[in-house]
Amino acid sequence: MNDKQKSLPLVPPRLPQNEAELERTIILPGNRKQVELKTETRRQLESLIGVYPTIKEAALWKRVLRRACQEGF
């Protein structure tokens, strides 16, 4: 594991506060992994998790949040 991978946070700085936010927070990082988000969508993601993630962060956080959703909010 290189230094950059070690420093990748396992979860976003802010976690969803309810089930609706959790669902949206799972969708948006998936979109972020594929494309640069447009301004409004970017702002929405930032307001949900506190930052605009890198592609690698988005991929990791999506997996972590999906597991949280499966385990029950």
Protein backbone atom coordinates (compact mmCIF):
# COMPACT_ATOMS: atom_id res chain seq x y z
CA MET A 1 0.00 0.00 0.00
CA ASN A 2 1.49 3.37 -0.92
CA ASP A 3 1.26 6.59 1.13
CA LYS A 4 -1.62 8.00 -0.91
CA GLN A 5 -3.76 4.90 -0.29
CA LYS A 6 -2.95 4.93 3.41
CA SER A 7 -4.16 8.51 3.77
CA LEU A 8 -7.53 7.87 2.08
CA PRO A 9 -10.25 8.38 4.70
CA LEU A 10 -12.55 5.38 5.14
CA VAL A 11 -15.68 7.48 5.50
CA PRO A 12 -16.70 10.98 4.43
CA PRO A 13 -16.33 13.82 6.97
CA ARG A 14 -20.12 14.03 7.36
CA LEU A 15 -22.42 11.03 7.39
CA PRO A 16 -26.03 11.03 6.18
CA GLN A 17 -28.57 11.99 8.83
CA ASN A 18 -31.51 9.94 7.58
CA GLU A 19 -32.40 7.18 5.13
CA ALA A 20 -33.25 9.55 2.25
CA GLU A 21 -29.87 11.28 2.59
CA LEU A 22 -28.13 7.90 2.75
CA GLU A 23 -29.75 6.75 -0.48
CA ARG A 24 -28.78 9.96 -2.30
CA THR A 25 -25.30 9.81 -0.80
CA ILE A 26 -24.83 6.34 -2.28
CA ILE A 27 -25.97 7.42 -5.76
CA LEU A 28 -23.91 10.61 -6.12
CA PRO A 29 -20.46 9.10 -5.44
CA GLY A 30 -21.28 6.46 -8.04
CA ASN A 31 -21.90 9.25 -10.51
CA ARG A 32 -18.72 11.01 -9.35
CA LYS A 33 -16.67 7.87 -10.08
CA GLN A 34 -17.75 8.07 -13.70
CA VAL A 35 -17.85 11.79 -14.54
CA GLU A 36 -17.13 15.25 -13.19
CA LEU A 37 -20.41 16.37 -11.61
CA LYS A 38 -22.18 19.51 -12.75
CA THR A 39 -22.25 22.47 -10.40
CA GLU A 40 -25.64 21.85 -8.76
CA THR A 41 -25.04 18.13 -8.27
CA ARG A 42 -21.56 18.82 -6.95
CA ARG A 43 -23.02 21.25 -4.38
CA GLN A 44 -25.60 18.66 -3.36
CA LEU A 45 -22.91 16.03 -2.79
CA GLU A 46 -20.79 18.51 -0.84
CA SER A 47 -23.74 19.40 1.38
CA LEU A 48 -24.50 15.73 2.03
CA ILE A 49 -20.99 14.58 2.95
CA GLY A 50 -19.08 17.79 3.59
CA VAL A 51 -16.58 17.60 0.69
CA TYR A 52 -16.32 16.91 -3.01
CA PRO A 53 -14.49 13.58 -3.13
CA THR A 54 -11.77 12.49 -5.49
CA ILE A 55 -12.67 9.61 -7.78
CA LYS A 56 -10.89 7.16 -5.46
CA GLU A 57 -12.61 8.55 -2.37
CA ALA A 58 -15.98 8.40 -4.12
CA ALA A 59 -15.47 4.73 -4.99
CA LEU A 60 -14.43 3.82 -1.45
CA TRP A 61 -17.15 5.84 0.28
CA LYS A 62 -19.84 4.44 -1.99
CA ARG A 63 -18.88 0.90 -0.93
CA VAL A 64 -18.79 1.83 2.76
CA LEU A 65 -22.13 3.66 2.63
CA ARG A 66 -23.78 0.86 0.65
CA ARG A 67 -22.75 -1.61 3.38
CA ALA A 68 -24.21 0.72 6.01
CA CYS A 69 -27.45 0.84 4.06
CA GLN A 70 -27.61 -2.97 3.78
CA GLU A 71 -27.03 -3.33 7.51
CA GLY A 72 -29.92 -0.98 8.18
CA PHE A 73 -29.80 2.70 8.90
